[in-house]
Amino acid sequence: FPFRLFPLREHGMNWRAKPLTCQEIQAFRKSKEVMDRFVRAYKLMLGFYGIHLVNEETGELKRAENWRERFENLNRFSHNNLRITRILKCLGEMGYEDYQVHLVKFFLTETLVEETLPNVKRSALDYFLFTVRSKEKRRELVHYAWQHFRPQSSFVWGPRGKLQKYR
């Protein structure tokens, strides 16, 4: 039967792929072999996007050597944004919440600070941010996005009053 590289508990674009069950997720998370394969698949996809996993323990990322050509691909083809959202959700399902945070922050930095991925900006703000499971980490990322968004008065992803008081 069809399988997914980054399976979720929800239906995706492939109608033949069955959503994961909670029991399957628990079984995956208990298997060192499955989790090693998962991290290898993650690194493979990051490479496709021009990103390098610096530290497997923390999830820290940096641009890969071929980032310019890969970012060009990301800017040109918006279907990649759906895949990135799927990867982010799957990271959360598989217990890699720290990886989620690093990947979202990477895209926020590249879109809002470095401005290298202008066509990914809306997806990063509308979707990537809200895949982060930890409420606290998500708040930190929304604040980070607000700090770097221009014009700040047009930022709609969090209440301005709370963002101004955030510590």
N, C-alpha and C. Protein backbone atom coordinates (compact mmCIF):
# COMPACT_ATOMS: atom_id res chain seq x y z
N PHE A 1 0.85 -1.19 0.00
CA PHE A 1 0.00 0.00 0.00
C PHE A 1 0.89 1.23 0.00
N PRO A 2 0.36 2.35 -0.49
CA PRO A 2 1.18 3.58 -0.55
C PRO A 2 1.55 4.04 0.86
N PHE A 3 2.79 4.48 1.01
CA PHE A 3 3.21 5.02 2.29
C PHE A 3 3.76 6.41 2.07
N ARG A 4 3.91 7.11 3.16
CA ARG A 4 4.42 8.46 3.13
C ARG A 4 5.75 8.52 3.84
N LEU A 5 6.61 9.39 3.35
CA LEU A 5 7.89 9.63 4.01
C LEU A 5 7.67 10.34 5.33
N PHE A 6 6.67 11.23 5.37
CA PHE A 6 6.34 11.99 6.57
C PHE A 6 4.85 11.80 6.86
N PRO A 7 4.50 10.65 7.46
CA PRO A 7 3.08 10.34 7.67
C PRO A 7 2.46 11.18 8.78
N LEU A 8 1.15 11.39 8.65
CA LEU A 8 0.38 12.18 9.62
C LEU A 8 -0.89 11.43 10.01
N ARG A 9 -1.57 11.95 11.00
CA ARG A 9 -2.87 11.40 11.41
C ARG A 9 -4.02 12.03 10.63
N GLU A 10 -3.70 12.68 9.52
CA GLU A 10 -4.74 13.31 8.70
C GLU A 10 -4.49 12.96 7.24
N HIS A 11 -5.53 13.07 6.45
CA HIS A 11 -5.39 12.80 5.02
C HIS A 11 -4.59 13.91 4.35
N GLY A 12 -3.77 13.53 3.38
CA GLY A 12 -3.02 14.50 2.59
C GLY A 12 -3.53 14.51 1.17
N MET A 13 -2.66 14.90 0.24
CA MET A 13 -3.03 14.99 -1.17
C MET A 13 -3.16 13.60 -1.81
N ASN A 14 -2.45 12.60 -1.30
CA ASN A 14 -2.51 11.25 -1.83
C ASN A 14 -3.67 10.52 -1.15
N TRP A 15 -4.79 10.39 -1.85
CA TRP A 15 -5.99 9.82 -1.26
C TRP A 15 -5.84 8.34 -0.92
N ARG A 16 -4.84 7.67 -1.52
CA ARG A 16 -4.65 6.23 -1.25
C ARG A 16 -3.83 6.00 0.03
N ALA A 17 -3.10 7.00 0.48
CA ALA A 17 -2.28 6.84 1.69
C ALA A 17 -3.17 6.98 2.92
N LYS A 18 -3.10 5.98 3.78
CA LYS A 18 -3.94 5.99 4.98
C LYS A 18 -3.30 6.86 6.07
N PRO A 19 -4.13 7.61 6.79
CA PRO A 19 -3.59 8.39 7.92
C PRO A 19 -3.03 7.45 8.99
N LEU A 20 -2.06 7.93 9.72
CA LEU A 20 -1.48 7.17 10.82
C LEU A 20 -2.45 7.06 11.98
N THR A 21 -2.35 5.98 12.73
CA THR A 21 -3.11 5.86 13.97
C THR A 21 -2.18 6.23 15.13
N CYS A 22 -2.76 6.51 16.27
CA CYS A 22 -1.95 6.82 17.46
C CYS A 22 -1.07 5.63 17.84
N GLN A 23 -1.60 4.41 17.67
CA GLN A 23 -0.83 3.21 17.98
C GLN A 23 0.40 3.10 17.07
N GLU A 24 0.24 3.42 15.79
CA GLU A 24 1.36 3.38 14.86
C GLU A 24 2.42 4.41 15.24
N ILE A 25 1.97 5.59 15.61
CA ILE A 25 2.92 6.64 16.02
C ILE A 25 3.72 6.16 17.22
N GLN A 26 3.05 5.57 18.21
CA GLN A 26 3.76 5.07 19.40
C GLN A 26 4.75 3.98 19.04
N ALA A 27 4.36 3.09 18.13
CA ALA A 27 5.26 2.02 17.69
C ALA A 27 6.47 2.60 16.97
N PHE A 28 6.25 3.58 16.10
CA PHE A 28 7.36 4.24 15.39
C PHE A 28 8.32 4.87 16.38
N ARG A 29 7.76 5.59 17.35
CA ARG A 29 8.60 6.33 18.30
C ARG A 29 9.42 5.41 19.19
N LYS A 30 8.95 4.17 19.38
CA LYS A 30 9.68 3.20 20.21
C LYS A 30 10.78 2.48 19.43
N SER A 31 10.74 2.56 18.10
CA SER A 31 11.70 1.84 17.27
C SER A 31 12.89 2.73 16.89
N LYS A 32 14.06 2.37 17.39
CA LYS A 32 15.27 3.14 17.05
C LYS A 32 15.50 3.13 15.55
N GLU A 33 15.28 1.99 14.90
CA GLU A 33 15.50 1.87 13.45
C GLU A 33 14.57 2.83 12.68
N VAL A 34 13.32 2.85 13.05
CA VAL A 34 12.36 3.73 12.37
C VAL A 34 12.73 5.19 12.59
N MET A 35 13.10 5.54 13.83
CA MET A 35 13.43 6.93 14.12
C MET A 35 14.73 7.35 13.43
N ASP A 36 15.70 6.44 13.32
CA ASP A 36 16.92 6.74 12.58
C ASP A 36 16.60 7.00 11.11
N ARG A 37 15.73 6.17 10.55
CA ARG A 37 15.31 6.37 9.15
C ARG A 37 14.58 7.70 8.98
N PHE A 38 13.77 8.03 9.97
CA PHE A 38 13.02 9.29 9.93
C PHE A 38 13.98 10.48 9.88
N VAL A 39 15.00 10.46 10.73
CA VAL A 39 15.98 11.56 10.74
C VAL A 39 16.74 11.59 9.42
N ARG A 40 17.07 10.42 8.86
CA ARG A 40 17.75 10.38 7.56
C ARG A 40 16.86 10.99 6.47
N ALA A 41 15.57 10.67 6.50
CA ALA A 41 14.63 11.24 5.52
C ALA A 41 14.53 12.76 5.69
N TYR A 42 14.50 13.22 6.94
CA TYR A 42 14.46 14.65 7.24
C TYR A 42 15.68 15.35 6.67
N LYS A 43 16.87 14.77 6.91
CA LYS A 43 18.10 15.36 6.40
C LYS A 43 18.11 15.39 4.87
N LEU A 44 17.58 14.34 4.26
CA LEU A 44 17.49 14.28 2.79
C LEU A 44 16.63 15.43 2.26
N MET A 45 15.47 15.64 2.88
CA MET A 45 14.58 16.71 2.43
C MET A 45 15.18 18.09 2.70
N LEU A 46 15.84 18.23 3.85
CA LEU A 46 16.51 19.50 4.14
C LEU A 46 17.53 19.79 3.05
N GLY A 47 18.30 18.80 2.65
CA GLY A 47 19.29 18.97 1.59
C GLY A 47 18.64 19.42 0.30
N PHE A 48 17.48 18.85 0.00
CA PHE A 48 16.74 19.24 -1.21
C PHE A 48 16.36 20.72 -1.15
N TYR A 49 16.08 21.21 0.06
CA TYR A 49 15.69 22.61 0.23
C TYR A 49 16.86 23.55 0.45
N GLY A 50 18.09 23.02 0.49
CA GLY A 50 19.26 23.87 0.68
C GLY A 50 19.57 24.18 2.13
N ILE A 51 19.19 23.23 3.00
CA ILE A 51 19.36 23.40 4.45
C ILE A 51 20.18 22.22 4.97
N HIS A 52 21.02 22.51 5.96
CA HIS A 52 21.87 21.47 6.56
C HIS A 52 21.55 21.34 8.05
N LEU A 53 21.34 20.10 8.51
CA LEU A 53 21.15 19.83 9.93
C LEU A 53 22.52 19.80 10.59
N VAL A 54 22.80 20.81 11.38
CA VAL A 54 24.11 20.97 12.03
C VAL A 54 24.25 20.02 13.21
N ASN A 55 23.16 19.84 13.97
CA ASN A 55 23.23 19.09 15.21
C ASN A 55 21.97 18.23 15.36
N GLU A 56 22.14 16.91 15.32
CA GLU A 56 21.00 16.00 15.44
C GLU A 56 20.38 16.01 16.83
N GLU A 57 21.15 16.38 17.83
CA GLU A 57 20.61 16.42 19.20
C GLU A 57 19.64 17.60 19.37
N THR A 58 20.05 18.77 18.87
CA THR A 58 19.26 19.98 19.10
C THR A 58 18.32 20.32 17.94
N GLY A 59 18.68 19.90 16.72
CA GLY A 59 17.90 20.28 15.55
C GLY A 59 18.39 21.56 14.89
N GLU A 60 19.53 22.08 15.37
CA GLU A 60 20.08 23.33 14.81
C GLU A 60 20.35 23.19 13.31
N LEU A 61 20.02 24.24 12.58
CA LEU A 61 20.14 24.26 11.12
C LEU A 61 20.99 25.41 10.62
N LYS A 62 21.49 25.26 9.40
CA LYS A 62 22.15 26.36 8.70
C LYS A 62 21.93 26.14 7.20
N ARG A 63 22.24 27.17 6.44
CA ARG A 63 22.17 27.05 4.98
C ARG A 63 23.19 26.02 4.50
N ALA A 64 22.80 25.22 3.51
CA ALA A 64 23.73 24.28 2.89
C ALA A 64 24.56 25.05 1.86
N GLU A 65 25.61 24.42 1.38
CA GLU A 65 26.48 25.10 0.40
C GLU A 65 25.72 25.48 -0.87
N ASN A 66 24.75 24.65 -1.26
CA ASN A 66 23.99 24.89 -2.50
C ASN A 66 22.70 25.69 -2.25
N TRP A 67 22.67 26.46 -1.18
CA TRP A 67 21.43 27.11 -0.77
C TRP A 67 20.86 28.05 -1.83
N ARG A 68 21.70 28.76 -2.57
CA ARG A 68 21.18 29.74 -3.55
C ARG A 68 20.29 29.08 -4.60
N GLU A 69 20.78 28.01 -5.21
CA GLU A 69 19.98 27.34 -6.25
C GLU A 69 18.76 26.66 -5.65
N ARG A 70 18.89 26.10 -4.44
CA ARG A 70 17.75 25.41 -3.82
C ARG A 70 16.69 26.42 -3.37
N PHE A 71 17.12 27.58 -2.86
CA PHE A 71 16.16 28.61 -2.47
C PHE A 71 15.42 29.14 -3.69
N GLU A 72 16.11 29.21 -4.83
CA GLU A 72 15.47 29.62 -6.07
C GLU A 72 14.30 28.68 -6.38
N ASN A 73 14.54 27.38 -6.20
CA ASN A 73 13.50 26.37 -6.39
C ASN A 73 12.34 26.58 -5.41
N LEU A 74 12.67 26.83 -4.16
CA LEU A 74 11.63 27.08 -3.15
C LEU A 74 10.79 28.30 -3.48
N ASN A 75 11.45 29.35 -3.97
CA ASN A 75 10.72 30.56 -4.34
C ASN A 75 9.84 30.36 -5.56
N ARG A 76 10.28 29.51 -6.47
CA ARG A 76 9.56 29.33 -7.73
C ARG A 76 8.36 28.39 -7.60
N PHE A 77 8.48 27.35 -6.79
CA PHE A 77 7.45 26.31 -6.74
C PHE A 77 6.79 26.25 -5.37
N SER A 78 5.57 26.78 -5.29
CA SER A 78 4.90 26.90 -4.00
C SER A 78 4.43 25.55 -3.43
N HIS A 79 4.36 24.49 -4.26
CA HIS A 79 3.95 23.19 -3.72
C HIS A 79 4.92 22.69 -2.64
N ASN A 80 6.15 23.21 -2.67
CA ASN A 80 7.11 22.84 -1.61
C ASN A 80 6.61 23.28 -0.23
N ASN A 81 5.84 24.37 -0.19
CA ASN A 81 5.35 24.88 1.09
C ASN A 81 4.40 23.87 1.76
N LEU A 82 3.61 23.16 0.96
CA LEU A 82 2.73 22.12 1.50
C LEU A 82 3.57 20.99 2.09
N ARG A 83 4.61 20.62 1.38
CA ARG A 83 5.50 19.55 1.87
C ARG A 83 6.19 19.96 3.17
N ILE A 84 6.62 21.20 3.23
CA ILE A 84 7.29 21.68 4.45
C ILE A 84 6.31 21.68 5.62
N THR A 85 5.07 22.09 5.38
CA THR A 85 4.06 22.06 6.44
C THR A 85 3.86 20.63 6.92
N ARG A 86 3.79 19.69 5.98
CA ARG A 86 3.62 18.27 6.31
C ARG A 86 4.82 17.78 7.15
N ILE A 87 6.03 18.13 6.73
CA ILE A 87 7.23 17.71 7.46
C ILE A 87 7.18 18.27 8.89
N LEU A 88 6.82 19.54 9.02
CA LEU A 88 6.74 20.17 10.34
C LEU A 88 5.72 19.46 11.24
N LYS A 89 4.56 19.15 10.69
CA LYS A 89 3.54 18.44 11.48
C LYS A 89 4.05 17.06 11.89
N CYS A 90 4.70 16.36 10.96
CA CYS A 90 5.22 15.03 11.25
C CYS A 90 6.32 15.08 12.31
N LEU A 91 7.16 16.10 12.26
CA LEU A 91 8.19 16.26 13.31
C LEU A 91 7.52 16.30 14.69
N GLY A 92 6.41 17.01 14.78
CA GLY A 92 5.68 17.08 16.04
C GLY A 92 5.11 15.73 16.45
N GLU A 93 4.53 15.01 15.49
CA GLU A 93 3.97 13.68 15.77
C GLU A 93 5.04 12.72 16.28
N MET A 94 6.23 12.82 15.72
CA MET A 94 7.30 11.88 16.03
C MET A 94 8.15 12.30 17.24
N GLY A 95 7.77 13.39 17.89
CA GLY A 95 8.47 13.81 19.11
C GLY A 95 9.66 14.70 18.88
N TYR A 96 9.76 15.28 17.69
CA TYR A 96 10.88 16.16 17.37
C TYR A 96 10.45 17.63 17.40
N GLU A 97 9.87 18.03 18.53
CA GLU A 97 9.38 19.40 18.66
C GLU A 97 10.51 20.43 18.53
N ASP A 98 11.71 20.09 19.03
CA ASP A 98 12.84 21.02 18.90
C ASP A 98 13.22 21.21 17.44
N TYR A 99 13.12 20.15 16.66
CA TYR A 99 13.38 20.26 15.22
C TYR A 99 12.38 21.21 14.57
N GLN A 100 11.11 21.10 15.00
CA GLN A 100 10.07 22.00 14.48
C GLN A 100 10.47 23.45 14.71
N VAL A 101 10.84 23.76 15.95
CA VAL A 101 11.17 25.14 16.33
C VAL A 101 12.32 25.66 15.46
N HIS A 102 13.36 24.86 15.30
CA HIS A 102 14.52 25.29 14.51
C HIS A 102 14.15 25.50 13.04
N LEU A 103 13.32 24.61 12.49
CA LEU A 103 12.95 24.75 11.08
C LEU A 103 12.07 25.98 10.85
N VAL A 104 11.13 26.20 11.74
CA VAL A 104 10.28 27.39 11.61
C VAL A 104 11.12 28.65 11.76
N LYS A 105 12.00 28.69 12.76
CA LYS A 105 12.83 29.88 12.96
C LYS A 105 13.75 30.10 11.75
N PHE A 106 14.25 29.01 11.17
CA PHE A 106 15.07 29.12 9.97
C PHE A 106 14.29 29.83 8.86
N PHE A 107 13.06 29.39 8.63
CA PHE A 107 12.26 30.01 7.56
C PHE A 107 11.85 31.44 7.91
N LEU A 108 11.57 31.71 9.16
CA LEU A 108 11.25 33.09 9.55
C LEU A 108 12.47 33.99 9.33
N THR A 109 13.65 33.50 9.65
CA THR A 109 14.87 34.28 9.46
C THR A 109 15.11 34.53 7.97
N GLU A 110 14.98 33.48 7.17
CA GLU A 110 15.24 33.63 5.73
C GLU A 110 14.20 34.50 5.04
N THR A 111 12.95 34.47 5.52
CA THR A 111 11.90 35.27 4.88
C THR A 111 11.86 36.70 5.39
N LEU A 112 11.98 36.88 6.71
CA LEU A 112 11.79 38.21 7.30
C LEU A 112 13.08 38.99 7.51
N VAL A 113 14.17 38.30 7.83
CA VAL A 113 15.43 38.98 8.14
C VAL A 113 16.31 39.04 6.89
N GLU A 114 16.62 37.88 6.34
CA GLU A 114 17.50 37.81 5.18
C GLU A 114 16.79 38.14 3.86
N GLU A 115 15.49 37.95 3.85
CA GLU A 115 14.64 38.22 2.67
C GLU A 115 15.07 37.42 1.44
N THR A 116 15.54 36.18 1.67
CA THR A 116 15.97 35.32 0.57
C THR A 116 14.83 34.46 0.03
N LEU A 117 13.75 34.32 0.80
CA LEU A 117 12.63 33.47 0.39
C LEU A 117 11.31 34.24 0.44
N PRO A 118 11.17 35.28 -0.39
CA PRO A 118 9.96 36.10 -0.32
C PRO A 118 8.67 35.31 -0.61
N ASN A 119 8.75 34.29 -1.45
CA ASN A 119 7.54 33.54 -1.81
C ASN A 119 7.18 32.46 -0.80
N VAL A 120 7.97 32.34 0.25
CA VAL A 120 7.69 31.37 1.32
C VAL A 120 7.14 32.10 2.55
N LYS A 121 7.27 33.43 2.55
CA LYS A 121 6.91 34.24 3.72
C LYS A 121 5.49 33.98 4.22
N ARG A 122 4.50 33.99 3.33
CA ARG A 122 3.11 33.80 3.78
C ARG A 122 2.90 32.42 4.40
N SER A 123 3.48 31.40 3.77
CA SER A 123 3.35 30.05 4.33
C SER A 123 4.04 29.95 5.67
N ALA A 124 5.21 30.57 5.80
CA ALA A 124 5.93 30.54 7.07
C ALA A 124 5.07 31.16 8.18
N LEU A 125 4.41 32.26 7.87
CA LEU A 125 3.60 32.96 8.87
C LEU A 125 2.23 32.31 9.06
N ASP A 126 1.58 31.91 7.97
CA ASP A 126 0.22 31.37 8.06
C ASP A 126 0.17 29.91 8.51
N TYR A 127 1.17 29.13 8.15
CA TYR A 127 1.12 27.69 8.40
C TYR A 127 2.28 27.15 9.24
N PHE A 128 3.52 27.43 8.82
CA PHE A 128 4.67 26.84 9.51
C PHE A 128 4.65 27.16 11.00
N LEU A 129 4.44 28.43 11.31
CA LEU A 129 4.43 28.90 12.72
C LEU A 129 3.48 28.08 13.58
N PHE A 130 2.31 27.77 13.03
CA PHE A 130 1.25 27.18 13.84
C PHE A 130 1.29 25.66 13.88
N THR A 131 2.35 25.07 13.31
CA THR A 131 2.55 23.62 13.47
C THR A 131 3.31 23.33 14.76
N VAL A 132 3.96 24.34 15.33
CA VAL A 132 4.79 24.14 16.53
C VAL A 132 3.89 23.78 17.70
N ARG A 133 4.15 22.64 18.27
CA ARG A 133 3.28 22.11 19.33
C ARG A 133 3.38 22.85 20.65
N SER A 134 4.57 23.23 21.02
CA SER A 134 4.78 23.91 22.30
C SER A 134 4.21 25.32 22.22
N LYS A 135 3.22 25.59 23.08
CA LYS A 135 2.60 26.91 23.10
C LYS A 135 3.63 28.00 23.41
N GLU A 136 4.52 27.70 24.36
CA GLU A 136 5.55 28.66 24.75
C GLU A 136 6.51 28.95 23.59
N LYS A 137 6.97 27.90 22.93
CA LYS A 137 7.89 28.07 21.79
C LYS A 137 7.19 28.78 20.64
N ARG A 138 5.93 28.45 20.42
CA ARG A 138 5.15 29.11 19.36
C ARG A 138 5.03 30.60 19.64
N ARG A 139 4.78 30.95 20.91
CA ARG A 139 4.71 32.37 21.31
C ARG A 139 6.04 33.07 21.02
N GLU A 140 7.14 32.41 21.38
CA GLU A 140 8.47 32.98 21.13
C GLU A 140 8.68 33.22 19.64
N LEU A 141 8.25 32.27 18.82
CA LEU A 141 8.41 32.41 17.37
C LEU A 141 7.52 33.50 16.79
N VAL A 142 6.31 33.62 17.30
CA VAL A 142 5.41 34.69 16.85
C VAL A 142 6.03 36.04 17.22
N HIS A 143 6.59 36.13 18.42
CA HIS A 143 7.25 37.37 18.85
C HIS A 143 8.45 37.68 17.96
N TYR A 144 9.23 36.66 17.66
CA TYR A 144 10.39 36.82 16.77
C TYR A 144 9.93 37.32 15.39
N ALA A 145 8.87 36.72 14.88
CA ALA A 145 8.33 37.15 13.58
C ALA A 145 7.87 38.60 13.65
N TRP A 146 7.16 38.95 14.72
CA TRP A 146 6.68 40.32 14.89
C TRP A 146 7.84 41.32 14.94
N GLN A 147 8.91 40.95 15.65
CA GLN A 147 10.07 41.84 15.76
C GLN A 147 10.68 42.15 14.39
N HIS A 148 10.61 41.20 13.48
CA HIS A 148 11.29 41.35 12.18
C HIS A 148 10.36 41.66 11.02
N PHE A 149 9.07 41.68 11.28
CA PHE A 149 8.09 41.94 10.21
C PHE A 149 8.03 43.43 9.91
N ARG A 150 8.00 43.77 8.64
CA ARG A 150 7.87 45.18 8.23
C ARG A 150 6.74 45.33 7.24
N PRO A 151 5.86 46.32 7.39
CA PRO A 151 5.75 47.20 8.55
C PRO A 151 5.12 46.46 9.73
N GLN A 152 5.64 46.70 10.90
CA GLN A 152 5.17 46.02 12.11
C GLN A 152 3.68 46.24 12.35
N SER A 153 3.17 47.38 11.94
CA SER A 153 1.75 47.70 12.15
C SER A 153 0.83 46.79 11.34
N SER A 154 1.37 46.10 10.33
CA SER A 154 0.56 45.18 9.50
C SER A 154 0.64 43.74 9.98
N PHE A 155 1.31 43.49 11.09
CA PHE A 155 1.46 42.12 11.60
C PHE A 155 0.14 41.65 12.20
N VAL A 156 -0.41 40.56 11.66
CA VAL A 156 -1.73 40.08 12.09
C VAL A 156 -1.70 38.70 12.76
N TRP A 157 -0.51 38.18 13.06
CA TRP A 157 -0.40 36.82 13.57
C TRP A 157 -0.35 36.74 15.09
N GLY A 158 -0.60 37.84 15.74
CA GLY A 158 -0.65 37.86 17.20
C GLY A 158 -1.13 39.22 17.67
N PRO A 159 -1.74 39.29 18.87
CA PRO A 159 -2.26 40.56 19.38
C PRO A 159 -1.13 41.54 19.72
N ARG A 160 -1.17 42.70 19.13
CA ARG A 160 -0.12 43.71 19.28
C ARG A 160 0.21 44.01 20.74
N GLY A 161 -0.82 44.18 21.55
CA GLY A 161 -0.59 44.50 22.98
C GLY A 161 0.24 43.44 23.68
N LYS A 162 -0.11 42.17 23.45
CA LYS A 162 0.65 41.08 24.07
C LYS A 162 2.06 40.98 23.50
N LEU A 163 2.20 41.24 22.20
CA LEU A 163 3.53 41.17 21.58
C LEU A 163 4.45 42.25 22.14
N GLN A 164 3.89 43.45 22.39
CA GLN A 164 4.71 44.53 22.92
C GLN A 164 5.15 44.26 24.35
N LYS A 165 4.33 43.53 25.12
CA LYS A 165 4.66 43.22 26.52
C LYS A 165 5.44 41.93 26.68
N TYR A 166 5.54 41.15 25.60
CA TYR A 166 6.15 39.82 25.70
C TYR A 166 7.58 39.88 26.20
N ARG A 167 7.92 38.99 27.12
CA ARG A 167 9.29 38.87 27.66
C ARG A 167 9.74 37.43 27.52
